[in-house]
Amino acid sequence: ALIYETAAGRFDHFAGDRDRALRLLRATIAKPGNDT
């Protein structure tokens, strides 16, 4: 949720909307080696 707030529009573009963006961020947080 905090990462999303730093660039909500960018994450919405990548994922499609806020809910999908938050799911994407939760998934990528768990994977080492990416920028989130």
ModelCIF file with pLDDT and N, C-alpha, C, O atoms, coordinates in Angstrom:
data_MODEL
#
_entry.id   MODEL 
#
_entity.id                         1 
_entity.type                       polymer 
_entity.pdbx_number_of_molecules   1 
#
_entity_poly.entity_id                      1 
_entity_poly.type                           'polypeptide(L)' 
_entity_poly.nstd_linkage                   no 
_entity_poly.nstd_monomer                   no 
_entity_poly.pdbx_seq_one_letter_code       ALIYETAAGRFDHFAGDRDRALRLLRATIAKPGNDT 
_entity_poly.pdbx_seq_one_letter_code_can   ALIYETAAGRFDHFAGDRDRALRLLRATIAKPGNDT 
_entity_poly.pdbx_strand_id                 A 
#
loop_
_entity_poly_seq.entity_id 
_entity_poly_seq.num 
_entity_poly_seq.mon_id 
_entity_poly_seq.hetero 
1 1  ALA n 
1 2  LEU n 
1 3  ILE n 
1 4  TYR n 
1 5  GLU n 
1 6  THR n 
1 7  ALA n 
1 8  ALA n 
1 9  GLY n 
1 10 ARG n 
1 11 PHE n 
1 12 ASP n 
1 13 HIS n 
1 14 PHE n 
1 15 ALA n 
1 16 GLY n 
1 17 ASP n 
1 18 ARG n 
1 19 ASP n 
1 20 ARG n 
1 21 ALA n 
1 22 LEU n 
1 23 ARG n 
1 24 LEU n 
1 25 LEU n 
1 26 ARG n 
1 27 ALA n 
1 28 THR n 
1 29 ILE n 
1 30 ALA n 
1 31 LYS n 
1 32 PRO n 
1 33 GLY n 
1 34 ASN n 
1 35 ASP n 
1 36 THR n 
#
_struct_asym.id          A 
_struct_asym.entity_id   1 
#
loop_
_ma_qa_metric.id 
_ma_qa_metric.mode 
_ma_qa_metric.name 
_ma_qa_metric.software_group_id 
_ma_qa_metric.type 
1 global pLDDT . pLDDT 
2 local  pLDDT . pLDDT 
#
_ma_qa_metric_global.metric_id      1 
_ma_qa_metric_global.metric_value   89.81 
_ma_qa_metric_global.model_id       1 
_ma_qa_metric_global.ordinal_id     1 
#
loop_
_ma_qa_metric_local.label_asym_id 
_ma_qa_metric_local.label_comp_id 
_ma_qa_metric_local.label_seq_id 
_ma_qa_metric_local.metric_id 
_ma_qa_metric_local.metric_value 
_ma_qa_metric_local.model_id 
_ma_qa_metric_local.ordinal_id 
A ALA 1  2 95.00 1 1  
A LEU 2  2 94.00 1 2  
A ILE 3  2 93.00 1 3  
A TYR 4  2 94.00 1 4  
A GLU 5  2 92.00 1 5  
A THR 6  2 88.00 1 6  
A ALA 7  2 85.00 1 7  
A ALA 8  2 81.00 1 8  
A GLY 9  2 81.00 1 9  
A ARG 10 2 81.00 1 10 
A PHE 11 2 85.00 1 11 
A ASP 12 2 86.00 1 12 
A HIS 13 2 80.00 1 13 
A PHE 14 2 79.00 1 14 
A ALA 15 2 86.00 1 15 
A GLY 16 2 84.00 1 16 
A ASP 17 2 90.00 1 17 
A ARG 18 2 93.00 1 18 
A ASP 19 2 95.00 1 19 
A ARG 20 2 91.00 1 20 
A ALA 21 2 92.00 1 21 
A LEU 22 2 94.00 1 22 
A ARG 23 2 93.00 1 23 
A LEU 24 2 90.00 1 24 
A LEU 25 2 94.00 1 25 
A ARG 26 2 94.00 1 26 
A ALA 27 2 93.00 1 27 
A THR 28 2 93.00 1 28 
A ILE 29 2 94.00 1 29 
A ALA 30 2 92.00 1 30 
A LYS 31 2 92.00 1 31 
A PRO 32 2 93.00 1 32 
A GLY 33 2 93.00 1 33 
A ASN 34 2 93.00 1 34 
A ASP 35 2 88.00 1 35 
A THR 36 2 92.00 1 36 
#
loop_
_atom_site.group_PDB 
_atom_site.id 
_atom_site.type_symbol 
_atom_site.label_atom_id 
_atom_site.label_alt_id 
_atom_site.label_comp_id 
_atom_site.label_asym_id 
_atom_site.label_entity_id 
_atom_site.label_seq_id 
_atom_site.pdbx_PDB_ins_code 
_atom_site.Cartn_x 
_atom_site.Cartn_y 
_atom_site.Cartn_z 
_atom_site.occupancy 
_atom_site.B_iso_or_equiv 
_atom_site.pdbx_formal_charge 
_atom_site.auth_seq_id 
_atom_site.auth_comp_id 
_atom_site.auth_asym_id 
_atom_site.auth_atom_id 
_atom_site.pdbx_PDB_model_num 
ATOM 1   N N  . ALA A 1 1  ? 0.832  -1.211  0.000   1.00 95.00 ? 1  ALA A N  1 
ATOM 2   C CA . ALA A 1 1  ? 0.000  0.000   0.000   1.00 95.00 ? 1  ALA A CA 1 
ATOM 3   C C  . ALA A 1 1  ? 0.865  1.258   0.000   1.00 95.00 ? 1  ALA A C  1 
ATOM 4   O O  . ALA A 1 1  ? 0.539  2.232   -0.679  1.00 95.00 ? 1  ALA A O  1 
ATOM 5   N N  . LEU A 1 2  ? 1.957  1.244   0.752   1.00 94.00 ? 2  LEU A N  1 
ATOM 6   C CA . LEU A 1 2  ? 2.838  2.416   0.794   1.00 94.00 ? 2  LEU A CA 1 
ATOM 7   C C  . LEU A 1 2  ? 3.594  2.594   -0.524  1.00 94.00 ? 2  LEU A C  1 
ATOM 8   O O  . LEU A 1 2  ? 3.741  3.718   -1.004  1.00 94.00 ? 2  LEU A O  1 
ATOM 9   N N  . ILE A 1 3  ? 4.069  1.506   -1.105  1.00 93.00 ? 3  ILE A N  1 
ATOM 10  C CA . ILE A 1 3  ? 4.741  1.610   -2.408  1.00 93.00 ? 3  ILE A CA 1 
ATOM 11  C C  . ILE A 1 3  ? 3.763  2.122   -3.451  1.00 93.00 ? 3  ILE A C  1 
ATOM 12  O O  . ILE A 1 3  ? 4.113  2.970   -4.272  1.00 93.00 ? 3  ILE A O  1 
ATOM 13  N N  . TYR A 1 4  ? 2.546  1.613   -3.424  1.00 94.00 ? 4  TYR A N  1 
ATOM 14  C CA . TYR A 1 4  ? 1.522  2.057   -4.379  1.00 94.00 ? 4  TYR A CA 1 
ATOM 15  C C  . TYR A 1 4  ? 1.335  3.571   -4.314  1.00 94.00 ? 4  TYR A C  1 
ATOM 16  O O  . TYR A 1 4  ? 1.215  4.223   -5.351  1.00 94.00 ? 4  TYR A O  1 
ATOM 17  N N  . GLU A 1 5  ? 1.308  4.125   -3.130  1.00 92.00 ? 5  GLU A N  1 
ATOM 18  C CA . GLU A 1 5  ? 1.093  5.567   -2.968  1.00 92.00 ? 5  GLU A CA 1 
ATOM 19  C C  . GLU A 1 5  ? 2.213  6.403   -3.590  1.00 92.00 ? 5  GLU A C  1 
ATOM 20  O O  . GLU A 1 5  ? 1.996  7.573   -3.903  1.00 92.00 ? 5  GLU A O  1 
ATOM 21  N N  . THR A 1 6  ? 3.394  5.834   -3.775  1.00 88.00 ? 6  THR A N  1 
ATOM 22  C CA . THR A 1 6  ? 4.503  6.599   -4.355  1.00 88.00 ? 6  THR A CA 1 
ATOM 23  C C  . THR A 1 6  ? 4.312  6.864   -5.843  1.00 88.00 ? 6  THR A C  1 
ATOM 24  O O  . THR A 1 6  ? 4.868  7.823   -6.378  1.00 88.00 ? 6  THR A O  1 
ATOM 25  N N  . ALA A 1 7  ? 3.530  6.020   -6.516  1.00 85.00 ? 7  ALA A N  1 
ATOM 26  C CA . ALA A 1 7  ? 3.335  6.171   -7.967  1.00 85.00 ? 7  ALA A CA 1 
ATOM 27  C C  . ALA A 1 7  ? 2.071  5.430   -8.392  1.00 85.00 ? 7  ALA A C  1 
ATOM 28  O O  . ALA A 1 7  ? 2.116  4.542   -9.244  1.00 85.00 ? 7  ALA A O  1 
ATOM 29  N N  . ALA A 1 8  ? 0.954  5.802   -7.796  1.00 81.00 ? 8  ALA A N  1 
ATOM 30  C CA . ALA A 1 8  ? -0.307 5.096   -8.035  1.00 81.00 ? 8  ALA A CA 1 
ATOM 31  C C  . ALA A 1 8  ? -0.656 5.006   -9.510  1.00 81.00 ? 8  ALA A C  1 
ATOM 32  O O  . ALA A 1 8  ? -1.031 3.938   -9.994  1.00 81.00 ? 8  ALA A O  1 
ATOM 33  N N  . GLY A 1 9  ? -0.540 6.099   -10.221 1.00 81.00 ? 9  GLY A N  1 
ATOM 34  C CA . GLY A 1 9  ? -0.888 6.088   -11.641 1.00 81.00 ? 9  GLY A CA 1 
ATOM 35  C C  . GLY A 1 9  ? -0.027 5.139   -12.446 1.00 81.00 ? 9  GLY A C  1 
ATOM 36  O O  . GLY A 1 9  ? -0.526 4.439   -13.328 1.00 81.00 ? 9  GLY A O  1 
ATOM 37  N N  . ARG A 1 10 ? 1.252  5.109   -12.152 1.00 81.00 ? 10 ARG A N  1 
ATOM 38  C CA . ARG A 1 10 ? 2.160  4.208   -12.877 1.00 81.00 ? 10 ARG A CA 1 
ATOM 39  C C  . ARG A 1 10 ? 1.774  2.758   -12.606 1.00 81.00 ? 10 ARG A C  1 
ATOM 40  O O  . ARG A 1 10 ? 1.700  1.953   -13.534 1.00 81.00 ? 10 ARG A O  1 
ATOM 41  N N  . PHE A 1 11 ? 1.531  2.423   -11.357 1.00 85.00 ? 11 PHE A N  1 
ATOM 42  C CA . PHE A 1 11 ? 1.170  1.047   -11.033 1.00 85.00 ? 11 PHE A CA 1 
ATOM 43  C C  . PHE A 1 11 ? -0.187 0.678   -11.619 1.00 85.00 ? 11 PHE A C  1 
ATOM 44  O O  . PHE A 1 11 ? -0.386 -0.467  -12.025 1.00 85.00 ? 11 PHE A O  1 
ATOM 45  N N  . ASP A 1 12 ? -1.123 1.622   -11.673 1.00 86.00 ? 12 ASP A N  1 
ATOM 46  C CA . ASP A 1 12 ? -2.418 1.358   -12.310 1.00 86.00 ? 12 ASP A CA 1 
ATOM 47  C C  . ASP A 1 12 ? -2.233 1.049   -13.793 1.00 86.00 ? 12 ASP A C  1 
ATOM 48  O O  . ASP A 1 12 ? -2.901 0.162   -14.326 1.00 86.00 ? 12 ASP A O  1 
ATOM 49  N N  . HIS A 1 13 ? -1.333 1.772   -14.468 1.00 80.00 ? 13 HIS A N  1 
ATOM 50  C CA . HIS A 1 13 ? -1.062 1.505   -15.884 1.00 80.00 ? 13 HIS A CA 1 
ATOM 51  C C  . HIS A 1 13 ? -0.511 0.095   -16.072 1.00 80.00 ? 13 HIS A C  1 
ATOM 52  O O  . HIS A 1 13 ? -0.901 -0.610  -17.002 1.00 80.00 ? 13 HIS A O  1 
ATOM 53  N N  . PHE A 1 14 ? 0.381  -0.306  -15.201 1.00 79.00 ? 14 PHE A N  1 
ATOM 54  C CA . PHE A 1 14 ? 0.977  -1.632  -15.326 1.00 79.00 ? 14 PHE A CA 1 
ATOM 55  C C  . PHE A 1 14 ? -0.012 -2.741  -15.018 1.00 79.00 ? 14 PHE A C  1 
ATOM 56  O O  . PHE A 1 14 ? -0.026 -3.766  -15.699 1.00 79.00 ? 14 PHE A O  1 
ATOM 57  N N  . ALA A 1 15 ? -0.831 -2.550  -14.014 1.00 86.00 ? 15 ALA A N  1 
ATOM 58  C CA . ALA A 1 15 ? -1.687 -3.637  -13.550 1.00 86.00 ? 15 ALA A CA 1 
ATOM 59  C C  . ALA A 1 15 ? -3.125 -3.548  -14.056 1.00 86.00 ? 15 ALA A C  1 
ATOM 60  O O  . ALA A 1 15 ? -3.796 -4.575  -14.161 1.00 86.00 ? 15 ALA A O  1 
ATOM 61  N N  . GLY A 1 16 ? -3.608 -2.369  -14.367 1.00 84.00 ? 16 GLY A N  1 
ATOM 62  C CA . GLY A 1 16 ? -4.973 -2.218  -14.855 1.00 84.00 ? 16 GLY A CA 1 
ATOM 63  C C  . GLY A 1 16 ? -5.855 -1.379  -13.955 1.00 84.00 ? 16 GLY A C  1 
ATOM 64  O O  . GLY A 1 16 ? -6.668 -0.596  -14.446 1.00 84.00 ? 16 GLY A O  1 
ATOM 65  N N  . ASP A 1 17 ? -5.713 -1.524  -12.655 1.00 90.00 ? 17 ASP A N  1 
ATOM 66  C CA . ASP A 1 17 ? -6.460 -0.714  -11.695 1.00 90.00 ? 17 ASP A CA 1 
ATOM 67  C C  . ASP A 1 17 ? -5.809 -0.870  -10.318 1.00 90.00 ? 17 ASP A C  1 
ATOM 68  O O  . ASP A 1 17 ? -4.831 -1.600  -10.163 1.00 90.00 ? 17 ASP A O  1 
ATOM 69  N N  . ARG A 1 18 ? -6.361 -0.180  -9.331  1.00 93.00 ? 18 ARG A N  1 
ATOM 70  C CA . ARG A 1 18 ? -5.757 -0.159  -7.999  1.00 93.00 ? 18 ARG A CA 1 
ATOM 71  C C  . ARG A 1 18 ? -5.676 -1.539  -7.364  1.00 93.00 ? 18 ARG A C  1 
ATOM 72  O O  . ARG A 1 18 ? -4.626 -1.915  -6.843  1.00 93.00 ? 18 ARG A O  1 
ATOM 73  N N  . ASP A 1 19 ? -6.770 -2.301  -7.398  1.00 95.00 ? 19 ASP A N  1 
ATOM 74  C CA . ASP A 1 19 ? -6.773 -3.617  -6.757  1.00 95.00 ? 19 ASP A CA 1 
ATOM 75  C C  . ASP A 1 19 ? -5.753 -4.552  -7.395  1.00 95.00 ? 19 ASP A C  1 
ATOM 76  O O  . ASP A 1 19 ? -5.025 -5.257  -6.696  1.00 95.00 ? 19 ASP A O  1 
ATOM 77  N N  . ARG A 1 20 ? -5.704 -4.556  -8.714  1.00 91.00 ? 20 ARG A N  1 
ATOM 78  C CA . ARG A 1 20 ? -4.715 -5.396  -9.409  1.00 91.00 ? 20 ARG A CA 1 
ATOM 79  C C  . ARG A 1 20 ? -3.301 -4.919  -9.111  1.00 91.00 ? 20 ARG A C  1 
ATOM 80  O O  . ARG A 1 20 ? -2.388 -5.729  -8.952  1.00 91.00 ? 20 ARG A O  1 
ATOM 81  N N  . ALA A 1 21 ? -3.122 -3.611  -9.037  1.00 92.00 ? 21 ALA A N  1 
ATOM 82  C CA . ALA A 1 21 ? -1.793 -3.065  -8.742  1.00 92.00 ? 21 ALA A CA 1 
ATOM 83  C C  . ALA A 1 21 ? -1.329 -3.508  -7.359  1.00 92.00 ? 21 ALA A C  1 
ATOM 84  O O  . ALA A 1 21 ? -0.170 -3.883  -7.183  1.00 92.00 ? 21 ALA A O  1 
ATOM 85  N N  . LEU A 1 22 ? -2.218 -3.467  -6.388  1.00 94.00 ? 22 LEU A N  1 
ATOM 86  C CA . LEU A 1 22 ? -1.847 -3.906  -5.037  1.00 94.00 ? 22 LEU A CA 1 
ATOM 87  C C  . LEU A 1 22 ? -1.526 -5.398  -5.012  1.00 94.00 ? 22 LEU A C  1 
ATOM 88  O O  . LEU A 1 22 ? -0.605 -5.819  -4.311  1.00 94.00 ? 22 LEU A O  1 
ATOM 89  N N  . ARG A 1 23 ? -2.277 -6.203  -5.769  1.00 93.00 ? 23 ARG A N  1 
ATOM 90  C CA . ARG A 1 23 ? -1.964 -7.636  -5.850  1.00 93.00 ? 23 ARG A CA 1 
ATOM 91  C C  . ARG A 1 23 ? -0.609 -7.854  -6.513  1.00 93.00 ? 23 ARG A C  1 
ATOM 92  O O  . ARG A 1 23 ? 0.178  -8.691  -6.071  1.00 93.00 ? 23 ARG A O  1 
ATOM 93  N N  . LEU A 1 24 ? -0.339 -7.089  -7.586  1.00 90.00 ? 24 LEU A N  1 
ATOM 94  C CA . LEU A 1 24 ? 0.960  -7.185  -8.260  1.00 90.00 ? 24 LEU A CA 1 
ATOM 95  C C  . LEU A 1 24 ? 2.083  -6.824  -7.301  1.00 90.00 ? 24 LEU A C  1 
ATOM 96  O O  . LEU A 1 24 ? 3.090  -7.529  -7.233  1.00 90.00 ? 24 LEU A O  1 
ATOM 97  N N  . LEU A 1 25 ? 1.924  -5.747  -6.569  1.00 94.00 ? 25 LEU A N  1 
ATOM 98  C CA . LEU A 1 25 ? 2.962  -5.329  -5.628  1.00 94.00 ? 25 LEU A CA 1 
ATOM 99  C C  . LEU A 1 25 ? 3.180  -6.370  -4.532  1.00 94.00 ? 25 LEU A C  1 
ATOM 100 O O  . LEU A 1 25 ? 4.320  -6.659  -4.170  1.00 94.00 ? 25 LEU A O  1 
ATOM 101 N N  . ARG A 1 26 ? 2.101  -6.929  -4.006  1.00 94.00 ? 26 ARG A N  1 
ATOM 102 C CA . ARG A 1 26 ? 2.273  -7.965  -2.972  1.00 94.00 ? 26 ARG A CA 1 
ATOM 103 C C  . ARG A 1 26 ? 3.034  -9.163  -3.532  1.00 94.00 ? 26 ARG A C  1 
ATOM 104 O O  . ARG A 1 26 ? 3.840  -9.772  -2.827  1.00 94.00 ? 26 ARG A O  1 
ATOM 105 N N  . ALA A 1 27 ? 2.782  -9.504  -4.795  1.00 93.00 ? 27 ALA A N  1 
ATOM 106 C CA . ALA A 1 27 ? 3.493  -10.634 -5.412  1.00 93.00 ? 27 ALA A CA 1 
ATOM 107 C C  . ALA A 1 27 ? 4.961  -10.299 -5.660  1.00 93.00 ? 27 ALA A C  1 
ATOM 108 O O  . ALA A 1 27 ? 5.834  -11.133 -5.417  1.00 93.00 ? 27 ALA A O  1 
ATOM 109 N N  . THR A 1 28 ? 5.242  -9.090  -6.141  1.00 93.00 ? 28 THR A N  1 
ATOM 110 C CA . THR A 1 28 ? 6.630  -8.752  -6.468  1.00 93.00 ? 28 THR A CA 1 
ATOM 111 C C  . THR A 1 28 ? 7.455  -8.448  -5.226  1.00 93.00 ? 28 THR A C  1 
ATOM 112 O O  . THR A 1 28 ? 8.676  -8.607  -5.249  1.00 93.00 ? 28 THR A O  1 
ATOM 113 N N  . ILE A 1 29 ? 6.826  -8.021  -4.158  1.00 94.00 ? 29 ILE A N  1 
ATOM 114 C CA . ILE A 1 29 ? 7.547  -7.795  -2.901  1.00 94.00 ? 29 ILE A CA 1 
ATOM 115 C C  . ILE A 1 29 ? 8.195  -9.103  -2.445  1.00 94.00 ? 29 ILE A C  1 
ATOM 116 O O  . ILE A 1 29 ? 9.303  -9.094  -1.910  1.00 94.00 ? 29 ILE A O  1 
ATOM 117 N N  . ALA A 1 30 ? 7.517  -10.207 -2.653  1.00 92.00 ? 30 ALA A N  1 
ATOM 118 C CA . ALA A 1 30 ? 8.013  -11.507 -2.207  1.00 92.00 ? 30 ALA A CA 1 
ATOM 119 C C  . ALA A 1 30 ? 9.113  -12.078 -3.108  1.00 92.00 ? 30 ALA A C  1 
ATOM 120 O O  . ALA A 1 30 ? 9.772  -13.048 -2.732  1.00 92.00 ? 30 ALA A O  1 
ATOM 121 N N  . LYS A 1 31 ? 9.321  -11.488 -4.294  1.00 92.00 ? 31 LYS A N  1 
ATOM 122 C CA . LYS A 1 31 ? 10.324 -12.001 -5.229  1.00 92.00 ? 31 LYS A CA 1 
ATOM 123 C C  . LYS A 1 31 ? 11.580 -11.149 -5.172  1.00 92.00 ? 31 LYS A C  1 
ATOM 124 O O  . LYS A 1 31 ? 11.535 -9.966  -5.509  1.00 92.00 ? 31 LYS A O  1 
ATOM 125 N N  . PRO A 1 32 ? 12.699 -11.725 -4.753  1.00 93.00 ? 32 PRO A N  1 
ATOM 126 C CA . PRO A 1 32 ? 13.941 -10.949 -4.664  1.00 93.00 ? 32 PRO A CA 1 
ATOM 127 C C  . PRO A 1 32 ? 14.411 -10.445 -6.026  1.00 93.00 ? 32 PRO A C  1 
ATOM 128 O O  . PRO A 1 32 ? 14.146 -11.057 -7.060  1.00 93.00 ? 32 PRO A O  1 
ATOM 129 N N  . GLY A 1 33 ? 15.105 -9.327  -5.998  1.00 93.00 ? 33 GLY A N  1 
ATOM 130 C CA . GLY A 1 33 ? 15.796 -8.853  -7.185  1.00 93.00 ? 33 GLY A CA 1 
ATOM 131 C C  . GLY A 1 33 ? 15.042 -7.912  -8.095  1.00 93.00 ? 33 GLY A C  1 
ATOM 132 O O  . GLY A 1 33 ? 15.535 -7.592  -9.177  1.00 93.00 ? 33 GLY A O  1 
ATOM 133 N N  . ASN A 1 34 ? 13.855 -7.450  -7.697  1.00 93.00 ? 34 ASN A N  1 
ATOM 134 C CA . ASN A 1 34 ? 13.171 -6.444  -8.515  1.00 93.00 ? 34 ASN A CA 1 
ATOM 135 C C  . ASN A 1 34 ? 13.095 -5.142  -7.717  1.00 93.00 ? 34 ASN A C  1 
ATOM 136 O O  . ASN A 1 34 ? 13.459 -5.108  -6.541  1.00 93.00 ? 34 ASN A O  1 
ATOM 137 N N  . ASP A 1 35 ? 12.628 -4.085  -8.351  1.00 88.00 ? 35 ASP A N  1 
ATOM 138 C CA . ASP A 1 35 ? 12.705 -2.777  -7.680  1.00 88.00 ? 35 ASP A CA 1 
ATOM 139 C C  . ASP A 1 35 ? 11.658 -2.561  -6.588  1.00 88.00 ? 35 ASP A C  1 
ATOM 140 O O  . ASP A 1 35 ? 11.653 -1.511  -5.945  1.00 88.00 ? 35 ASP A O  1 
ATOM 141 N N  . THR A 1 36 ? 10.776 -3.531  -6.367  1.00 92.00 ? 36 THR A N  1 
ATOM 142 C CA . THR A 1 36 ? 9.825  -3.437  -5.257  1.00 92.00 ? 36 THR A CA 1 
ATOM 143 C C  . THR A 1 36 ? 10.013 -4.570  -4.249  1.00 92.00 ? 36 THR A C  1 
ATOM 144 O O  . THR A 1 36 ? 9.292  -4.637  -3.254  1.00 92.00 ? 36 THR A O  1 
#
